[in-house]
Amino acid sequence: QNLTHYNAWRYRNYLIDAFNNDKPYDRFIVEQLAGDLLPYENDRQLTEQLVATGFLMVGPKQLSERDKEKLRMDVVDEQIDTTGRVFMGMTLGCARCHDHKFDPIPSRDYYGLAGIFRSTTTVDGIKLGNVFVSGWKVRPLPIEPAHAAALKEHEDSLASIETPLKQAREALKKLGQPSKFPRQVADLPGIVVDDREAEKQGDWKDSTYSPNYVGSGYIHDDRMGKGEKSVTFRPKLTAAGMYEVRISYAGSGGRSTRVPVTITHADGEDRVLVDQSKPASIEGLFHSLGQFRFESPEQAAVVIATDGTDDGHVIVDAVQFLPQGAAAAETPKDEAEPQDEADDAEKQRLAERRKTLEQQIKQLEADLAELKKQAPPPAPMAMAAADIDEPTDFVQLIRGNHNRPGDPVPRGFLQVAMRSESDDVAITPHQSGRLELAQWIASADNPLTTRVFANRVWHWLMGEGLVRSVDNFGHLGERPSHPELLDYLAARLVQQDWSVKQLVREVVLSRTYRLASQHDAAAFDVDPENRLRWRYPRRRL
């Protein structure tokens, strides 16, 4: 359902370093929500700020969701909900479908925030070659100029080989192609059995993607059910004798290199492995399996199976039976030309050209493989957010359904946390509003942020918070046991320049933290839950 988060260790290390280095908590918030939008003094600082925005991507989501608009809205919902719980102790996700049932959070506020996060790219790209699987946005991190120059030089060197290699492969492919595709059964010599007339075992997929085929199309195994599928061709031979047996397929990359083909004939059975990753040797369409003797139609059969073909697709198209001596006259009637010396000379020229191209391709492939071994280290990458090209407001979705858009809602913040309408920040039309949102959340004037974090610190040190529902300061959350103490700690956080270590120091040096965990029966009778802190709570190591 989800992919491994790309280089998630970078974001983990960012968190560790932030606490170890006592990064001011307000700066910590802003970097995680909008680090990519902050100014920077050097590449190291830019790298740190980009990595910090991994916060917006580390949530679990069903990236294989085929409805990409639903996926996008689900990602935004998770970002809003997590941001609200982590920094403000508010369950904002409850307002996606309707006004919050318990807290003063209208649905319009939710979609004001949704406009901000929808103007941000966090899900990007296609992974695993599957159009239905998305991936988290990955951005390159700054590198030294010398490293960048080495990468550019290597890319140019690769292009100097890949371009002529591609041209040579295309030229070779054209040499092997007949002048007319697709081929009709009636236009081919000998006895031809198309895949439409064959006996199929298992589920085969119809296709006309590659133009090299006989009849109305070909079939393939979809690279599934290996070992469980086969196709049997039974020709209606009109006479006994020797026949050259050929199979047709569109050779290309992604095909199996060892397709098993079994020929049943008068002298027994023969099994041939066909490499379908390369163009067929005869006119780019047919591949000869050899000559075999057939005495009766009942004996003749060709079976193409999928056993041992895990390395690629298996293509099945048609089987051609050419009576001995007919191969020289196999050119279709509408393309037949006199076989004179000039024609022989042309064939010789084409053969030499093909040989030259094959040698050239072989050498270029070897050069390319050697060059790739000498590649400099790749540029470091990290999950990092970015604003979309044209940030815009969003609409209010009726009942939270992405298929039922309602009225437009301007981007904005949580009104219940605003001290007055004058506190509302105008968002620049060409920006997402993420930076303004981050700065508002991290403001000392925000009544929630400092209290929520001070409560978390108390929770980490004491085993439970002054507000035990650390993620919910709303109506359904618990009331603080010591509201004045919570206000004091929140104020001290700001007074000490948002220093987490100073706040921790103040708590651990308190008499309350240094209490023993010894039981007191009298105190227990009055306060069995230890809400008044008459002892230090027992905690697992």
Protein backbone atom coordinates (compact mmCIF):
# COMPACT_ATOMS: atom_id res chain seq x y z
CA GLN A 1 0.00 0.00 0.00
CA ASN A 2 2.89 2.39 0.75
CA LEU A 3 6.48 2.79 -0.37
CA THR A 4 9.57 3.00 1.78
CA HIS A 5 10.22 6.66 2.51
CA TYR A 6 13.21 7.69 0.39
CA ASN A 7 16.30 8.44 2.51
CA ALA A 8 14.13 8.83 5.61
CA TRP A 9 17.32 8.65 7.67
CA ARG A 10 18.07 12.23 6.65
CA TYR A 11 14.91 13.48 8.37
CA ARG A 12 15.63 11.24 11.38
CA ASN A 13 19.11 12.74 11.69
CA TYR A 14 17.67 16.23 11.33
CA LEU A 15 15.45 15.60 14.36
CA ILE A 16 18.31 14.18 16.42
CA ASP A 17 20.60 17.09 15.56
CA ALA A 18 17.88 19.65 16.23
CA PHE A 19 17.39 18.46 19.81
CA ASN A 20 21.09 17.84 20.43
CA ASN A 21 21.98 21.33 19.23
CA ASP A 22 19.03 22.88 21.07
CA LYS A 23 17.54 24.41 17.96
CA PRO A 24 14.97 27.01 19.10
CA TYR A 25 11.56 25.36 19.03
CA ASP A 26 9.95 28.15 16.99
CA ARG A 27 12.65 27.74 14.33
CA PHE A 28 12.17 23.96 14.53
CA ILE A 29 8.48 24.38 13.65
CA VAL A 30 9.05 26.79 10.77
CA GLU A 31 11.76 24.64 9.17
CA GLN A 32 9.59 21.52 9.17
CA LEU A 33 6.58 23.26 7.64
CA ALA A 34 8.34 25.66 5.26
CA GLY A 35 12.11 25.16 5.36
CA ASP A 36 12.28 25.23 1.57
CA LEU A 37 10.87 28.78 1.59
CA LEU A 38 13.31 30.23 4.14
CA PRO A 39 16.39 32.26 3.17
CA TYR A 40 19.75 30.58 3.76
CA GLU A 41 23.37 31.61 4.15
CA ASN A 42 25.11 28.54 2.75
CA ASP A 43 24.49 25.12 1.18
CA ARG A 44 24.67 23.36 4.53
CA GLN A 45 21.83 25.46 5.89
CA LEU A 46 19.78 24.96 2.72
CA THR A 47 20.26 21.19 2.95
CA GLU A 48 19.09 21.18 6.57
CA GLN A 49 16.00 23.24 5.74
CA LEU A 50 15.03 21.08 2.77
CA VAL A 51 15.43 17.86 4.75
CA ALA A 52 13.29 19.33 7.55
CA THR A 53 10.24 19.46 5.26
CA GLY A 54 10.27 15.67 5.24
CA PHE A 55 7.86 16.20 8.15
CA LEU A 56 5.12 16.71 5.55
CA MET A 57 5.78 13.31 3.94
CA VAL A 58 6.48 10.75 6.64
CA GLY A 59 2.84 9.85 7.22
CA PRO A 60 1.43 6.53 5.95
CA LYS A 61 -0.72 6.81 2.84
CA GLN A 62 -2.07 4.41 0.21
CA LEU A 63 0.15 5.54 -2.65
CA SER A 64 -1.33 2.86 -4.91
CA GLU A 65 -4.70 4.67 -4.80
CA ARG A 66 -5.85 4.88 -8.43
CA ASP A 67 -8.01 7.95 -7.87
CA LYS A 68 -5.16 10.47 -7.69
CA GLU A 69 -7.41 13.36 -6.70
CA LYS A 70 -8.60 11.34 -3.70
CA LEU A 71 -4.98 10.48 -2.85
CA ARG A 72 -4.01 14.13 -3.03
CA MET A 73 -6.84 15.11 -0.70
CA ASP A 74 -6.04 12.26 1.70
CA VAL A 75 -2.41 13.40 1.89
CA VAL A 76 -3.53 16.98 2.59
CA ASP A 77 -5.94 15.71 5.25
CA GLU A 78 -3.13 13.82 7.01
CA GLN A 79 -0.90 16.90 6.86
CA ILE A 80 -3.59 19.15 8.35
CA ASP A 81 -4.51 16.65 11.05
CA THR A 82 -0.89 15.96 12.05
CA THR A 83 0.09 19.63 12.03
CA GLY A 84 -2.92 20.46 14.20
CA ARG A 85 -2.31 17.70 16.74
CA VAL A 86 1.48 18.04 16.95
CA PHE A 87 1.83 21.80 17.23
CA MET A 88 -1.55 23.05 18.49
CA GLY A 89 -3.22 20.07 20.15
CA MET A 90 -6.28 20.43 17.90
CA THR A 91 -8.12 17.67 16.02
CA LEU A 92 -8.48 19.63 12.78
CA GLY A 93 -9.11 16.53 10.67
CA CYS A 94 -12.60 16.28 12.18
CA ALA A 95 -13.63 19.37 10.15
CA ARG A 96 -13.08 17.78 6.74
CA CYS A 97 -16.68 16.65 6.32
CA HIS A 98 -18.52 19.17 8.54
CA ASP A 99 -18.00 21.80 11.22
CA HIS A 100 -16.20 20.25 14.19
CA LYS A 101 -18.80 18.64 16.45
CA PHE A 102 -17.13 19.67 19.71
CA ASP A 103 -14.58 22.43 19.06
CA PRO A 104 -15.14 25.87 17.44
CA ILE A 105 -13.50 24.86 14.16
CA PRO A 106 -15.70 25.52 11.11
CA SER A 107 -15.22 23.43 8.01
CA ARG A 108 -14.23 26.59 6.12
CA ASP A 109 -11.15 26.93 8.34
CA TYR A 110 -10.18 23.38 7.42
CA TYR A 111 -10.41 24.17 3.70
CA GLY A 112 -8.55 27.44 4.22
CA LEU A 113 -5.68 25.29 5.47
CA ALA A 114 -6.29 22.74 2.70
CA GLY A 115 -5.65 25.46 0.11
CA ILE A 116 -2.22 26.02 1.66
CA PHE A 117 -1.22 22.36 1.62
CA ARG A 118 -2.76 21.70 -1.81
CA SER A 119 -0.52 24.49 -3.11
CA THR A 120 2.42 22.38 -1.93
CA THR A 121 3.90 19.39 -3.77
CA THR A 122 4.71 16.40 -1.57
CA VAL A 123 3.44 13.51 -3.71
CA ASP A 124 5.22 13.40 -7.02
CA GLY A 125 6.29 11.01 -9.75
CA ILE A 126 5.58 7.41 -10.70
CA LYS A 127 7.42 4.52 -9.12
CA LEU A 128 8.08 0.90 -10.09
CA GLY A 129 6.92 1.49 -13.65
CA ASN A 130 3.33 1.36 -12.41
CA VAL A 131 1.16 4.32 -13.36
CA PHE A 132 -1.04 3.70 -10.32
CA VAL A 133 1.73 3.99 -7.73
CA SER A 134 2.82 7.49 -6.70
CA GLY A 135 5.90 8.44 -4.72
CA TRP A 136 6.91 11.12 -2.25
CA LYS A 137 8.56 14.14 -3.84
CA VAL A 138 12.34 13.90 -3.90
CA ARG A 139 14.64 16.87 -4.49
CA PRO A 140 18.40 17.06 -5.08
CA LEU A 141 20.45 18.58 -2.29
CA PRO A 142 23.23 21.14 -2.84
CA ILE A 143 26.64 19.76 -3.80
CA GLU A 144 30.13 21.18 -4.20
CA PRO A 145 30.88 22.85 -7.58
CA ALA A 146 33.58 20.28 -8.34
CA HIS A 147 31.11 17.44 -7.72
CA ALA A 148 28.50 19.12 -9.93
CA ALA A 149 31.07 19.58 -12.70
CA ALA A 150 32.08 15.91 -12.49
CA LEU A 151 28.45 14.80 -12.74
CA LYS A 152 27.87 17.09 -15.74
CA GLU A 153 30.98 15.79 -17.48
CA HIS A 154 29.88 12.20 -16.85
CA GLU A 155 26.37 12.89 -18.19
CA ASP A 156 27.87 14.41 -21.35
CA SER A 157 30.12 11.38 -21.78
CA LEU A 158 27.15 9.04 -21.40
CA ALA A 159 25.19 11.03 -23.99
CA SER A 160 28.12 10.83 -26.43
CA ILE A 161 27.75 7.04 -26.35
CA GLU A 162 24.00 6.62 -25.80
CA THR A 163 23.05 8.79 -28.79
CA PRO A 164 25.00 6.83 -31.45
CA LEU A 165 24.03 3.58 -29.70
CA LYS A 166 20.35 4.44 -30.02
CA GLN A 167 20.84 5.40 -33.67
CA ALA A 168 22.65 2.16 -34.43
CA ARG A 169 19.95 0.07 -32.75
CA GLU A 170 17.23 1.85 -34.72
CA ALA A 171 19.14 1.35 -37.96
CA LEU A 172 19.58 -2.36 -37.23
CA LYS A 173 15.91 -2.69 -36.37
CA LYS A 174 14.94 -1.12 -39.69
CA LEU A 175 17.15 -3.55 -41.57
CA GLY A 176 15.25 -6.44 -40.03
CA GLN A 177 11.78 -5.09 -40.72
CA PRO A 178 9.69 -6.05 -43.74
CA SER A 179 8.10 -3.29 -45.76
CA LYS A 180 4.58 -4.12 -44.66
CA PHE A 181 3.11 -4.65 -41.20
CA PRO A 182 0.99 -6.29 -40.04
CA ARG A 183 1.11 -9.40 -42.24
CA GLN A 184 -2.09 -11.19 -43.17
CA VAL A 185 -2.18 -14.98 -43.02
CA ALA A 186 -3.35 -15.22 -46.64
CA ASP A 187 -0.31 -13.24 -47.85
CA LEU A 188 2.23 -15.59 -46.26
CA PRO A 189 3.60 -18.74 -47.91
CA GLY A 190 3.21 -22.20 -46.44
CA ILE A 191 0.73 -23.13 -43.74
CA VAL A 192 0.24 -20.45 -41.09
CA VAL A 193 -1.64 -20.92 -37.83
CA ASP A 194 -2.50 -17.63 -36.11
CA ASP A 195 -2.81 -17.29 -32.34
CA ARG A 196 -6.56 -16.78 -32.79
CA GLU A 197 -6.84 -20.40 -34.00
CA ALA A 198 -4.53 -21.90 -31.36
CA GLU A 199 -5.48 -23.71 -28.15
CA LYS A 200 -4.78 -21.50 -25.14
CA GLN A 201 -4.27 -22.54 -21.55
CA GLY A 202 -4.37 -19.75 -18.97
CA ASP A 203 -5.15 -16.07 -19.23
CA TRP A 204 -3.45 -14.36 -22.19
CA LYS A 205 -3.73 -10.65 -23.04
CA ASP A 206 -4.50 -9.35 -26.54
CA SER A 207 -2.28 -6.58 -27.91
CA THR A 208 -1.37 -4.63 -31.04
CA TYR A 209 1.17 -2.38 -29.32
CA SER A 210 4.12 -3.60 -31.41
CA PRO A 211 3.34 -3.40 -35.16
CA ASN A 212 5.25 -6.60 -35.99
CA TYR A 213 2.56 -9.25 -35.99
CA VAL A 214 0.51 -11.59 -38.15
CA GLY A 215 -3.25 -11.23 -38.48
CA SER A 216 -5.20 -8.92 -36.20
CA GLY A 217 -2.74 -8.84 -33.29
CA TYR A 218 -0.78 -11.01 -30.89
CA ILE A 219 -1.07 -12.18 -27.29
CA HIS A 220 1.25 -12.04 -24.28
CA ASP A 221 1.31 -13.53 -20.78
CA ASP A 222 1.34 -10.14 -18.99
CA ARG A 223 4.32 -11.52 -17.08
CA MET A 224 1.95 -13.32 -14.74
CA GLY A 225 1.09 -16.95 -14.04
CA LYS A 226 4.50 -18.19 -15.08
CA GLY A 227 4.54 -21.94 -15.66
CA GLU A 228 0.74 -22.08 -15.83
CA LYS A 229 0.17 -20.85 -19.39
CA SER A 230 0.75 -22.34 -22.82
CA VAL A 231 -0.46 -22.04 -26.42
CA THR A 232 -0.69 -25.06 -28.76
CA PHE A 233 -0.63 -24.66 -32.56
CA ARG A 234 -1.93 -27.57 -34.71
CA PRO A 235 -1.39 -27.10 -38.47
CA LYS A 236 -3.64 -28.65 -41.09
CA LEU A 237 -0.88 -30.23 -43.14
CA THR A 238 -1.92 -31.30 -46.64
CA ALA A 239 1.07 -33.56 -47.30
CA ALA A 240 3.72 -35.49 -45.40
CA GLY A 241 7.34 -34.41 -45.65
CA MET A 242 9.97 -32.04 -44.29
CA TYR A 243 8.85 -28.63 -43.11
CA GLU A 244 10.71 -25.63 -41.78
CA VAL A 245 8.90 -24.42 -38.66
CA ARG A 246 8.96 -20.73 -37.77
CA ILE A 247 7.34 -18.70 -35.00
CA SER A 248 6.54 -15.00 -35.25
CA TYR A 249 6.97 -12.49 -32.44
CA ALA A 250 7.83 -8.83 -31.93
CA GLY A 251 11.25 -8.96 -30.31
CA SER A 252 12.08 -6.16 -27.89
CA GLY A 253 13.45 -5.36 -24.47
CA GLY A 254 11.31 -6.66 -21.62
CA ARG A 255 10.70 -9.97 -23.41
CA SER A 256 11.97 -13.25 -22.00
CA THR A 257 15.33 -14.51 -23.22
CA ARG A 258 14.45 -18.20 -22.90
CA VAL A 259 10.93 -18.93 -24.14
CA PRO A 260 10.45 -22.72 -24.36
CA VAL A 261 8.97 -23.97 -27.65
CA THR A 262 8.24 -27.70 -28.10
CA ILE A 263 7.82 -29.18 -31.61
CA THR A 264 6.08 -32.56 -31.91
CA HIS A 265 6.96 -34.33 -35.20
CA ALA A 266 7.26 -37.79 -36.73
CA ASP A 267 10.58 -38.50 -35.02
CA GLY A 268 9.55 -37.38 -31.52
CA GLU A 269 9.81 -34.02 -29.79
CA ASP A 270 12.33 -31.20 -29.83
CA ARG A 271 12.52 -28.31 -27.36
CA VAL A 272 13.99 -24.98 -28.42
CA LEU A 273 14.60 -21.88 -26.26
CA VAL A 274 13.90 -18.62 -28.09
CA ASP A 275 15.34 -15.24 -27.06
CA GLN A 276 12.44 -12.85 -27.60
CA SER A 277 14.38 -9.86 -26.27
CA LYS A 278 16.01 -9.48 -29.70
CA PRO A 279 14.32 -8.81 -33.06
CA ALA A 280 13.30 -11.93 -34.96
CA SER A 281 15.99 -12.91 -37.47
CA ILE A 282 13.73 -13.22 -40.54
CA GLU A 283 12.33 -9.85 -41.65
CA GLY A 284 12.07 -8.82 -38.01
CA LEU A 285 9.01 -11.05 -37.68
CA PHE A 286 9.82 -14.77 -37.92
CA HIS A 287 12.35 -16.99 -36.18
CA SER A 288 13.24 -20.42 -37.55
CA LEU A 289 13.05 -23.37 -35.14
CA GLY A 290 14.57 -25.79 -37.68
CA GLN A 291 13.37 -28.43 -40.15
CA PHE A 292 11.27 -31.39 -39.02
CA ARG A 293 9.60 -34.39 -40.66
CA PHE A 294 5.83 -34.72 -40.36
CA GLU A 295 3.89 -37.83 -41.47
CA SER A 296 0.34 -36.82 -40.54
CA PRO A 297 -1.54 -33.73 -39.26
CA GLU A 298 -2.20 -35.52 -35.96
CA GLN A 299 1.53 -35.64 -35.25
CA ALA A 300 2.19 -31.95 -35.88
CA ALA A 301 2.06 -29.56 -32.93
CA VAL A 302 4.00 -26.58 -31.64
CA VAL A 303 3.60 -25.58 -27.98
CA ILE A 304 4.82 -22.24 -26.63
CA ALA A 305 4.94 -22.24 -22.81
CA THR A 306 5.96 -19.85 -20.02
CA ASP A 307 8.04 -22.17 -17.83
CA GLY A 308 11.27 -20.52 -16.70
CA THR A 309 10.46 -17.15 -18.28
CA ASP A 310 10.49 -15.00 -15.15
CA ASP A 311 12.91 -12.57 -16.81
CA GLY A 312 10.29 -11.06 -19.13
CA HIS A 313 7.06 -11.23 -21.12
CA VAL A 314 6.26 -14.13 -23.45
CA ILE A 315 4.89 -13.10 -26.86
CA VAL A 316 2.79 -15.51 -28.94
CA ASP A 317 1.67 -14.64 -32.47
CA ALA A 318 1.71 -17.24 -35.25
CA VAL A 319 3.50 -20.41 -36.39
CA GLN A 320 4.50 -20.96 -40.02
CA PHE A 321 5.13 -24.39 -41.63
CA LEU A 322 7.10 -24.12 -44.88
CA PRO A 323 7.45 -27.25 -47.06
CA GLN A 324 11.04 -28.10 -47.87
CA GLY A 325 12.27 -25.87 -50.69
CA ALA A 326 9.60 -23.24 -50.12
CA ALA A 327 11.76 -21.02 -47.92
CA ALA A 328 13.48 -19.53 -50.93
CA ALA A 329 10.11 -18.43 -52.29
CA GLU A 330 8.65 -17.15 -49.06
CA THR A 331 8.38 -13.49 -50.06
CA PRO A 332 4.71 -12.42 -50.06
CA LYS A 333 3.11 -12.33 -53.49
CA ASP A 334 2.44 -8.60 -53.45
CA GLU A 335 6.11 -7.91 -52.62
CA ALA A 336 7.81 -10.52 -54.80
CA GLU A 337 10.58 -9.32 -57.12
CA PRO A 338 12.76 -11.10 -59.68
CA GLN A 339 15.72 -12.90 -58.09
CA ASP A 340 18.56 -11.56 -60.22
CA GLU A 341 22.18 -10.66 -59.60
CA ALA A 342 21.29 -7.10 -58.60
CA ASP A 343 18.98 -8.45 -55.90
CA ASP A 344 21.72 -10.76 -54.63
CA ALA A 345 24.13 -7.85 -54.48
CA GLU A 346 21.63 -5.81 -52.48
CA LYS A 347 21.18 -8.68 -50.03
CA GLN A 348 24.95 -8.92 -49.66
CA ARG A 349 25.17 -5.18 -49.01
CA LEU A 350 22.44 -5.39 -46.37
CA ALA A 351 24.14 -8.35 -44.71
CA GLU A 352 27.42 -6.44 -44.50
CA ARG A 353 25.61 -3.38 -43.18
CA ARG A 354 23.88 -5.50 -40.55
CA LYS A 355 27.19 -7.04 -39.49
CA THR A 356 28.80 -3.61 -39.23
CA LEU A 357 25.94 -2.29 -37.10
CA GLU A 358 26.04 -5.32 -34.81
CA GLN A 359 29.78 -4.86 -34.24
CA GLN A 360 29.27 -1.15 -33.63
CA ILE A 361 26.48 -1.81 -31.12
CA LYS A 362 28.57 -4.40 -29.31
CA GLN A 363 31.49 -1.99 -28.95
CA LEU A 364 29.28 0.92 -27.86
CA GLU A 365 27.55 -1.26 -25.26
CA ALA A 366 30.93 -2.30 -23.87
CA ASP A 367 32.10 1.33 -23.76
CA LEU A 368 28.88 2.38 -22.04
CA ALA A 369 29.17 -0.35 -19.40
CA GLU A 370 32.77 0.65 -18.67
CA LEU A 371 31.87 4.34 -18.43
CA LYS A 372 29.05 3.62 -15.97
CA LYS A 373 31.56 1.87 -13.70
CA GLN A 374 33.53 5.13 -13.55
CA ALA A 375 30.52 7.25 -12.55
CA PRO A 376 31.13 9.80 -9.76
CA PRO A 377 28.94 9.54 -6.65
CA PRO A 378 25.37 10.63 -7.45
CA ALA A 379 24.00 13.88 -6.08
CA PRO A 380 22.39 13.37 -2.65
CA MET A 381 18.59 13.38 -2.65
CA ALA A 382 15.98 13.84 0.05
CA MET A 383 12.23 13.99 0.47
CA ALA A 384 11.48 17.71 0.41
CA ALA A 385 8.43 19.85 -0.21
CA ALA A 386 8.02 22.59 -2.82
CA ASP A 387 5.33 25.08 -3.76
CA ILE A 388 3.40 24.33 -6.95
CA ASP A 389 3.87 26.70 -9.89
CA GLU A 390 0.56 28.49 -9.37
CA PRO A 391 -0.63 28.34 -5.74
CA THR A 392 -4.35 28.93 -5.41
CA ASP A 393 -7.27 28.80 -3.01
CA PHE A 394 -9.30 25.63 -2.71
CA VAL A 395 -13.02 24.89 -2.44
CA GLN A 396 -15.06 23.49 0.40
CA LEU A 397 -15.82 19.84 -0.39
CA ILE A 398 -19.37 18.81 0.42
CA ARG A 399 -19.20 16.10 3.10
CA GLY A 400 -15.48 15.91 2.42
CA ASN A 401 -16.12 14.24 -0.95
CA HIS A 402 -13.51 15.24 -3.52
CA ASN A 403 -16.09 14.65 -6.27
CA ARG A 404 -18.49 17.24 -4.80
CA PRO A 405 -16.77 20.65 -4.83
CA GLY A 406 -18.57 23.56 -3.18
CA ASP A 407 -17.83 27.26 -2.76
CA PRO A 408 -14.27 28.63 -2.92
CA VAL A 409 -12.53 29.26 0.41
CA PRO A 410 -9.62 31.70 0.71
CA ARG A 411 -6.45 30.29 2.22
CA GLY A 412 -6.16 31.10 5.89
CA PHE A 413 -5.47 29.92 9.43
CA LEU A 414 -7.42 28.68 12.42
CA GLN A 415 -9.75 31.54 13.36
CA VAL A 416 -10.47 30.28 16.87
CA ALA A 417 -6.78 30.72 17.71
CA MET A 418 -6.68 34.29 16.40
CA ARG A 419 -6.73 36.99 19.07
CA SER A 420 -8.59 39.32 16.70
CA GLU A 421 -9.39 39.72 13.03
CA SER A 422 -6.39 42.03 12.76
CA ASP A 423 -4.15 39.03 13.43
CA ASP A 424 -5.25 37.38 10.19
CA VAL A 425 -2.32 37.29 7.78
CA ALA A 426 -2.80 38.06 4.10
CA ILE A 427 -1.26 35.39 1.88
CA THR A 428 0.53 36.56 -1.23
CA PRO A 429 -1.37 35.29 -4.30
CA HIS A 430 1.71 33.66 -5.84
CA GLN A 431 2.76 31.81 -2.67
CA SER A 432 1.26 28.77 -0.97
CA GLY A 433 0.99 30.42 2.45
CA ARG A 434 3.01 27.65 4.13
CA LEU A 435 5.64 30.06 5.41
CA GLU A 436 3.03 32.43 6.83
CA LEU A 437 1.23 29.48 8.44
CA ALA A 438 4.46 28.20 9.98
CA GLN A 439 5.35 31.63 11.34
CA TRP A 440 1.86 32.06 12.78
CA ILE A 441 1.99 28.66 14.51
CA ALA A 442 5.47 29.43 15.86
CA SER A 443 4.49 32.90 17.09
CA ALA A 444 4.68 33.68 20.80
CA ASP A 445 1.20 35.19 20.39
CA ASN A 446 -0.29 31.84 19.39
CA PRO A 447 -2.16 30.71 22.52
CA LEU A 448 -1.76 27.01 21.80
CA THR A 449 1.72 26.25 20.47
CA THR A 450 3.79 27.02 23.56
CA ARG A 451 1.33 25.35 25.93
CA VAL A 452 1.12 22.21 23.81
CA PHE A 453 4.90 21.85 23.65
CA ALA A 454 5.46 22.66 27.33
CA ASN A 455 2.90 19.97 28.11
CA ARG A 456 4.78 17.50 25.88
CA VAL A 457 8.03 18.18 27.71
CA TRP A 458 6.26 17.57 31.03
CA HIS A 459 4.78 14.38 29.58
CA TRP A 460 8.20 13.12 28.42
CA LEU A 461 9.77 13.78 31.81
CA MET A 462 6.91 12.87 34.14
CA GLY A 463 5.21 10.05 32.27
CA GLU A 464 2.00 12.00 31.64
CA GLY A 465 1.22 15.59 30.77
CA LEU A 466 -0.39 18.29 32.85
CA VAL A 467 -2.99 17.78 30.12
CA ARG A 468 -3.02 14.01 29.78
CA SER A 469 -4.46 14.13 26.25
CA VAL A 470 -1.26 15.59 24.83
CA ASP A 471 -2.59 15.67 21.23
CA ASN A 472 -5.99 17.10 22.10
CA PHE A 473 -6.47 20.40 23.91
CA GLY A 474 -10.04 20.60 22.62
CA HIS A 475 -13.38 19.97 24.30
CA LEU A 476 -12.91 16.19 24.34
CA GLY A 477 -9.40 16.48 25.74
CA GLU A 478 -8.72 16.44 29.46
CA ARG A 479 -8.50 19.63 31.52
CA PRO A 480 -5.02 20.57 32.83
CA SER A 481 -4.34 19.48 36.38
CA HIS A 482 -2.27 22.65 37.00
CA PRO A 483 -3.31 25.34 34.48
CA GLU A 484 -1.17 28.05 36.12
CA LEU A 485 1.90 25.80 35.96
CA LEU A 486 1.23 25.07 32.29
CA ASP A 487 0.97 28.80 31.55
CA TYR A 488 4.19 29.40 33.49
CA LEU A 489 6.13 26.76 31.55
CA ALA A 490 4.79 28.09 28.24
CA ALA A 491 5.89 31.60 29.16
CA ARG A 492 9.33 30.36 30.26
CA LEU A 493 9.80 28.63 26.90
CA VAL A 494 9.40 31.96 25.11
CA GLN A 495 11.43 33.92 27.68
CA GLN A 496 14.34 31.52 27.24
CA ASP A 497 14.39 32.00 23.46
CA TRP A 498 12.41 28.83 22.82
CA SER A 499 15.24 26.69 24.23
CA VAL A 500 14.09 23.11 24.76
CA LYS A 501 17.11 22.26 26.91
CA GLN A 502 16.50 25.20 29.22
CA LEU A 503 12.88 24.15 29.67
CA VAL A 504 13.95 20.58 30.40
CA ARG A 505 16.56 21.86 32.85
CA GLU A 506 13.96 23.92 34.70
CA VAL A 507 11.66 20.93 35.09
CA VAL A 508 14.29 18.38 36.14
CA LEU A 509 15.71 20.73 38.77
CA SER A 510 12.30 21.12 40.37
CA ARG A 511 11.33 19.48 43.65
CA THR A 512 8.44 17.74 41.86
CA TYR A 513 10.76 15.93 39.43
CA ARG A 514 13.10 14.88 42.25
CA LEU A 515 10.37 13.29 44.37
CA ALA A 516 10.75 9.62 45.22
CA SER A 517 8.21 7.12 43.92
CA GLN A 518 7.53 5.84 47.44
CA HIS A 519 3.89 5.05 48.15
CA ASP A 520 1.96 7.13 50.70
CA ALA A 521 -1.34 5.57 51.77
CA ALA A 522 -2.83 8.83 53.07
CA ALA A 523 -1.97 10.72 49.88
CA PHE A 524 -3.24 7.83 47.79
CA ASP A 525 -6.64 7.99 49.49
CA VAL A 526 -6.97 11.67 48.58
CA ASP A 527 -5.37 11.53 45.09
CA PRO A 528 -5.17 7.93 43.78
CA GLU A 529 -4.18 9.09 40.26
CA ASN A 530 -1.31 11.24 41.58
CA ARG A 531 -2.62 14.29 39.75
CA LEU A 532 -1.35 16.53 42.58
CA ARG A 533 2.15 15.08 42.26
CA TRP A 534 2.72 13.76 45.77
CA ARG A 535 5.23 11.22 44.38
CA TYR A 536 7.19 10.61 41.19
CA PRO A 537 5.30 8.13 38.98
CA ARG A 538 6.88 4.74 38.50
CA ARG A 539 8.13 4.36 34.92
CA ARG A 540 9.63 1.56 32.89
CA LEU A 541 13.28 1.97 32.01
